[in-house]
C-alpha atoms as a PDB file:
ATOM      1  CA  MET A   1       8.427  -5.540  21.984  1.00  0.00           C
ATOM      2  CA  TYR A   2       7.660  -2.011  20.931  1.00  0.00           C
ATOM      3  CA  THR A   3       7.755   1.399  22.556  1.00  0.00           C
ATOM      4  CA  VAL A   4       5.908   4.647  21.942  1.00  0.00           C
ATOM      5  CA  ASP A   5       7.554   7.852  23.216  1.00  0.00           C
ATOM      6  CA  GLU A   6       6.121  11.285  24.063  1.00  0.00           C
ATOM      7  CA  ASN A   7       6.375  12.349  20.396  1.00  0.00           C
ATOM      8  CA  ASN A   8       4.355   9.275  19.310  1.00  0.00           C
ATOM      9  CA  THR A   9       7.496   7.706  17.794  1.00  0.00           C
ATOM     10  CA  ILE A  10       7.002   3.956  17.600  1.00  0.00           C
ATOM     11  CA  THR A  11      10.139   1.811  17.835  1.00  0.00           C
ATOM     12  CA  ILE A  12       9.758  -1.880  17.020  1.00  0.00           C
ATOM     13  CA  VAL A  13      12.066  -4.779  16.246  1.00  0.00           C
ATOM     14  CA  LYS A  14      11.850  -5.971  12.639  1.00  0.00           C
ATOM     15  CA  LYS A  15       9.297  -8.809  12.235  1.00  0.00           C
ATOM     16  CA  ASP A  16       7.816  -8.330  15.715  1.00  0.00           C
ATOM     17  CA  THR A  17       4.062  -8.011  16.234  1.00  0.00           C
ATOM     18  CA  ALA A  18       2.260  -5.223  18.054  1.00  0.00           C
ATOM     19  CA  TYR A  19      -1.221  -4.247  19.253  1.00  0.00           C
ATOM     20  CA  PHE A  20      -2.194  -0.583  19.635  1.00  0.00           C
ATOM     21  CA  SER A  21      -5.420   0.394  21.368  1.00  0.00           C
ATOM     22  CA  ILE A  22      -6.903   3.700  20.232  1.00  0.00           C
ATOM     23  CA  SER A  23      -9.624   5.668  21.979  1.00  0.00           C
ATOM     24  CA  LEU A  24     -10.433   9.354  21.809  1.00  0.00           C
ATOM     25  CA  ASP A  25     -11.231  11.736  24.657  1.00  0.00           C
ATOM     26  CA  ASN A  26     -13.719  13.823  22.683  1.00  0.00           C
ATOM     27  CA  TYR A  27     -15.338  11.248  20.386  1.00  0.00           C
ATOM     28  CA  GLU A  28     -16.568   7.678  20.706  1.00  0.00           C
ATOM     29  CA  LEU A  29     -15.680   5.488  17.722  1.00  0.00           C
ATOM     30  CA  MET A  30     -18.808   3.817  16.317  1.00  0.00           C
ATOM     31  CA  ASP A  31     -20.275   1.812  13.443  1.00  0.00           C
ATOM     32  CA  GLY A  32     -19.696   3.554  10.136  1.00  0.00           C
ATOM     33  CA  ASP A  33     -16.392   5.113  11.224  1.00  0.00           C
ATOM     34  CA  ILE A  34     -13.106   4.120   9.596  1.00  0.00           C
ATOM     35  CA  LEU A  35      -9.775   4.394  11.368  1.00  0.00           C
ATOM     36  CA  THR A  36      -6.773   4.090   9.006  1.00  0.00           C
ATOM     37  CA  PHE A  37      -3.194   3.441  10.124  1.00  0.00           C
ATOM     38  CA  THR A  38      -0.725   4.147   7.300  1.00  0.00           C
ATOM     39  CA  VAL A  39       3.062   3.697   7.100  1.00  0.00           C
ATOM     40  CA  ALA A  40       5.164   5.209   4.294  1.00  0.00           C
ATOM     41  CA  LYS A  41       8.821   5.926   3.638  1.00  0.00           C
ATOM     42  CA  GLU A  42       8.100   9.626   3.069  1.00  0.00           C
ATOM     43  CA  LYS A  43       5.312  12.004   4.040  1.00  0.00           C
ATOM     44  CA  GLU A  44       2.538  12.387   1.457  1.00  0.00           C
ATOM     45  CA  SER A  45       3.687   9.235  -0.342  1.00  0.00           C
ATOM     46  CA  GLN A  46       1.243   7.789  -2.839  1.00  0.00           C
ATOM     47  CA  ASN A  47       2.608   4.298  -2.100  1.00  0.00           C
ATOM     48  CA  PRO A  48       1.987   3.251   1.503  1.00  0.00           C
ATOM     49  CA  LEU A  49       4.062   0.335   2.764  1.00  0.00           C
ATOM     50  CA  VAL A  50       1.463  -0.688   5.339  1.00  0.00           C
ATOM     51  CA  GLN A  51      -2.167   0.328   5.605  1.00  0.00           C
ATOM     52  CA  LYS A  52      -4.667  -1.011   8.136  1.00  0.00           C
ATOM     53  CA  ARG A  53      -8.344  -0.027   8.070  1.00  0.00           C
ATOM     54  CA  ILE A  54     -10.267  -0.575  11.290  1.00  0.00           C
ATOM     55  CA  THR A  55     -14.067  -0.595  11.043  1.00  0.00           C
ATOM     56  CA  GLU A  56     -15.041  -2.529  14.177  1.00  0.00           C
ATOM     57  CA  PHE A  57     -14.940  -0.920  17.599  1.00  0.00           C
ATOM     58  CA  ASP A  58     -15.649  -2.219  21.087  1.00  0.00           C
ATOM     59  CA  GLU A  59     -17.184   0.474  23.294  1.00  0.00           C
ATOM     60  CA  GLY A  60     -15.345   3.228  21.403  1.00  0.00           C
ATOM     61  CA  LEU A  61     -12.023   1.377  21.365  1.00  0.00           C
ATOM     62  CA  ALA A  62     -10.123   0.439  18.188  1.00  0.00           C
ATOM     63  CA  VAL A  63      -7.302  -2.117  18.064  1.00  0.00           C
ATOM     64  CA  ILE A  64      -4.597  -1.902  15.407  1.00  0.00           C
ATOM     65  CA  PHE A  65      -2.634  -5.122  14.971  1.00  0.00           C
ATOM     66  CA  LEU A  66       0.711  -5.186  13.176  1.00  0.00           C
ATOM     67  CA  ASP A  67       1.798  -8.649  12.126  1.00  0.00           C
ATOM     68  CA  THR A  68       5.263  -9.861  11.118  1.00  0.00           C
ATOM     69  CA  GLU A  69       4.667  -8.973   7.460  1.00  0.00           C
ATOM     70  CA  ASP A  70       3.780  -5.389   8.430  1.00  0.00           C
ATOM     71  CA  THR A  71       7.040  -4.947  10.371  1.00  0.00           C
ATOM     72  CA  ASN A  72       9.225  -6.806   7.879  1.00  0.00           C
ATOM     73  CA  LEU A  73      10.654  -3.503   6.619  1.00  0.00           C
ATOM     74  CA  ASP A  74      14.279  -2.507   6.138  1.00  0.00           C
ATOM     75  CA  LYS A  75      15.919  -1.133   9.259  1.00  0.00           C
ATOM     76  CA  GLY A  76      15.378   2.612   9.415  1.00  0.00           C
ATOM     77  CA  SER A  77      12.859   5.403   9.925  1.00  0.00           C
ATOM     78  CA  TYR A  78       9.434   5.671   8.344  1.00  0.00           C
ATOM     79  CA  TYR A  79       6.397   7.890   8.872  1.00  0.00           C
ATOM     80  CA  TYR A  80       2.942   6.869  10.028  1.00  0.00           C
ATOM     81  CA  ASP A  81      -0.332   8.529  10.790  1.00  0.00           C
ATOM     82  CA  ILE A  82      -3.746   7.516  12.017  1.00  0.00           C
ATOM     83  CA  GLN A  83      -6.720   9.092  10.277  1.00  0.00           C
ATOM     84  CA  LEU A  84     -10.340   8.977  11.345  1.00  0.00           C
ATOM     85  CA  ASN A  85     -13.165   9.188   8.800  1.00  0.00           C
ATOM     86  CA  THR A  86     -16.388   9.503  10.760  1.00  0.00           C
ATOM     87  CA  HIS A  87     -19.740   8.054   9.737  1.00  0.00           C
ATOM     88  CA  ASP A  88     -21.022  11.592   9.116  1.00  0.00           C
ATOM     89  CA  GLY A  89     -18.212  12.637   6.753  1.00  0.00           C
ATOM     90  CA  LEU A  90     -15.651  14.338   8.969  1.00  0.00           C
ATOM     91  CA  VAL A  91     -11.935  13.598   8.421  1.00  0.00           C
ATOM     92  CA  ASP A  92      -9.383  14.049  11.200  1.00  0.00           C
ATOM     93  CA  THR A  93      -5.763  12.931  11.412  1.00  0.00           C
ATOM     94  CA  ILE A  94      -5.653  11.992  15.093  1.00  0.00           C
ATOM     95  CA  VAL A  95      -1.950  10.983  15.241  1.00  0.00           C
ATOM     96  CA  GLY A  96       0.936  12.147  13.147  1.00  0.00           C
ATOM     97  CA  PRO A  97       2.586  12.274  10.968  1.00  0.00           C
ATOM     98  CA  ALA A  98       4.991  10.647  13.417  1.00  0.00           C
ATOM     99  CA  LYS A  99       7.999   8.370  13.096  1.00  0.00           C
ATOM    100  CA  LEU A 100       8.069   4.600  13.019  1.00  0.00           C
ATOM    101  CA  LYS A 101      11.534   3.170  13.638  1.00  0.00           C
ATOM    102  CA  ILE A 102      12.356  -0.390  12.622  1.00  0.00           C
ATOM    103  CA  ILE A 103      15.353  -1.744  14.514  1.00  0.00           C
ATOM    104  CA  GLU A 104      17.321  -4.958  14.204  1.00  0.00           C
ATOM    105  CA  GLY A 105      16.775  -7.819  16.581  1.00  0.00           C
ATOM    106  CA  VAL A 106      18.917 -10.790  17.478  1.00  0.00           C
ATOM    107  CA  THR A 107      16.446 -13.631  17.029  1.00  0.00           C
ATOM    108  CA  TYR A 108      14.421 -14.106  13.824  1.00  0.00           C
END
Protein backbone atom coordinates (compact mmCIF):
# COMPACT_ATOMS: atom_id res chain seq x y z
CA MET A 1 0.00 0.00 0.00
CA TYR A 2 1.11 3.54 -0.63
CA THR A 3 -0.22 6.99 0.15
CA VAL A 4 0.20 10.39 -1.47
CA ASP A 5 -0.47 13.45 0.72
CA GLU A 6 -1.37 17.05 -0.16
CA ASN A 7 2.34 17.91 -0.61
CA ASN A 8 2.76 15.03 -3.11
CA THR A 9 4.79 13.06 -0.54
CA ILE A 10 4.62 9.38 -1.43
CA THR A 11 4.91 6.92 1.47
CA ILE A 12 5.37 3.26 0.56
CA VAL A 13 6.42 0.09 2.35
CA LYS A 14 9.81 -1.23 1.24
CA LYS A 15 9.47 -3.79 -1.60
CA ASP A 16 5.79 -2.99 -2.23
CA THR A 17 4.51 -2.24 -5.73
CA ALA A 18 2.54 0.81 -6.82
CA TYR A 19 0.70 2.21 -9.84
CA PHE A 20 0.37 5.97 -10.35
CA SER A 21 -1.94 7.37 -13.00
CA ILE A 22 -0.92 10.77 -14.37
CA SER A 23 -3.07 13.09 -16.44
CA LEU A 24 -2.83 16.84 -16.91
CA ASP A 25 -5.61 19.42 -16.83
CA ASN A 26 -4.07 21.68 -19.48
CA TYR A 27 -2.35 19.19 -21.80
CA GLU A 28 -3.17 15.79 -23.27
CA LEU A 29 -0.22 13.38 -23.28
CA MET A 30 0.36 12.00 -26.78
CA ASP A 31 2.71 10.04 -29.03
CA GLY A 32 6.18 11.55 -29.02
CA ASP A 33 5.93 12.79 -25.42
CA ILE A 34 8.15 11.37 -22.69
CA LEU A 35 7.15 11.36 -19.03
CA THR A 36 10.07 10.63 -16.67
CA PHE A 37 9.70 9.64 -13.01
CA THR A 38 13.03 9.94 -11.17
CA VAL A 39 14.00 9.08 -7.58
CA ALA A 40 17.28 10.22 -6.00
CA LYS A 41 18.75 10.50 -2.52
CA GLU A 42 19.40 14.23 -2.99
CA LYS A 43 18.03 16.94 -5.26
CA GLU A 44 19.98 17.50 -8.48
CA SER A 45 21.76 14.16 -8.06
CA GLN A 46 23.58 12.88 -11.12
CA ASN A 47 22.91 9.30 -9.97
CA PRO A 48 19.19 8.49 -9.89
CA LEU A 49 18.21 5.43 -7.88
CA VAL A 50 15.07 4.81 -9.94
CA GLN A 51 14.11 6.23 -13.31
CA LYS A 52 11.02 5.29 -15.31
CA ARG A 53 10.37 6.66 -18.80
CA ILE A 54 6.78 6.48 -20.01
CA THR A 55 6.21 6.86 -23.76
CA GLU A 56 2.82 5.19 -24.20
CA PHE A 57 -0.38 6.93 -23.20
CA ASP A 58 -4.03 5.88 -23.25
CA GLU A 59 -6.32 8.82 -24.00
CA GLY A 60 -3.89 11.27 -22.36
CA LEU A 61 -3.27 9.07 -19.32
CA ALA A 62 0.16 7.78 -18.26
CA VAL A 63 0.71 4.93 -15.80
CA ILE A 64 3.89 4.73 -13.73
CA PHE A 65 4.51 1.30 -12.24
CA LEU A 66 6.97 0.79 -9.39
CA ASP A 67 7.98 -2.82 -8.89
CA THR A 68 9.62 -4.45 -5.87
CA GLU A 69 13.12 -3.67 -7.16
CA ASP A 70 12.23 0.03 -7.46
CA THR A 71 11.07 0.21 -3.83
CA ASN A 72 13.83 -1.99 -2.43
CA LEU A 73 15.59 1.07 -1.00
CA ASP A 74 16.90 1.64 2.51
CA LYS A 75 14.30 2.97 4.92
CA GLY A 76 14.29 6.76 4.78
CA SER A 77 13.44 9.83 2.72
CA TYR A 78 14.28 10.40 -0.93
CA TYR A 79 13.27 12.95 -3.54
CA TYR A 80 11.33 12.37 -6.74
CA ASP A 81 10.01 14.41 -9.60
CA ILE A 82 8.01 13.83 -12.74
CA GLN A 83 9.18 15.64 -15.86
CA LEU A 84 7.37 15.97 -19.15
CA ASN A 85 9.26 16.37 -22.43
CA THR A 86 6.68 17.13 -25.10
CA HIS A 87 6.87 16.01 -28.72
CA ASP A 88 7.44 19.63 -29.76
CA GLY A 89 10.42 20.26 -27.45
CA LEU A 90 8.92 21.76 -24.31
CA VAL A 91 10.19 20.60 -20.90
CA ASP A 92 8.06 20.90 -17.76
CA THR A 93 8.54 19.40 -14.31
CA ILE A 94 4.92 18.63 -13.49
CA VAL A 95 5.49 17.23 -9.96
CA GLY A 96 8.23 17.97 -7.50
CA PRO A 97 10.72 17.82 -6.36
CA ALA A 98 8.73 16.06 -3.65
CA LYS A 99 9.52 13.45 -1.02
CA LEU A 100 9.36 9.69 -1.33
CA LYS A 101 9.39 7.92 2.03
CA ILE A 102 10.31 4.25 2.26
CA ILE A 103 9.02 2.67 5.46
CA GLU A 104 9.52 -0.75 6.99
CA GLY A 105 6.89 -3.42 6.70
CA VAL A 106 6.27 -6.57 8.69
CA THR A 107 5.99 -9.14 5.92
CA TYR A 108 8.64 -9.54 3.21
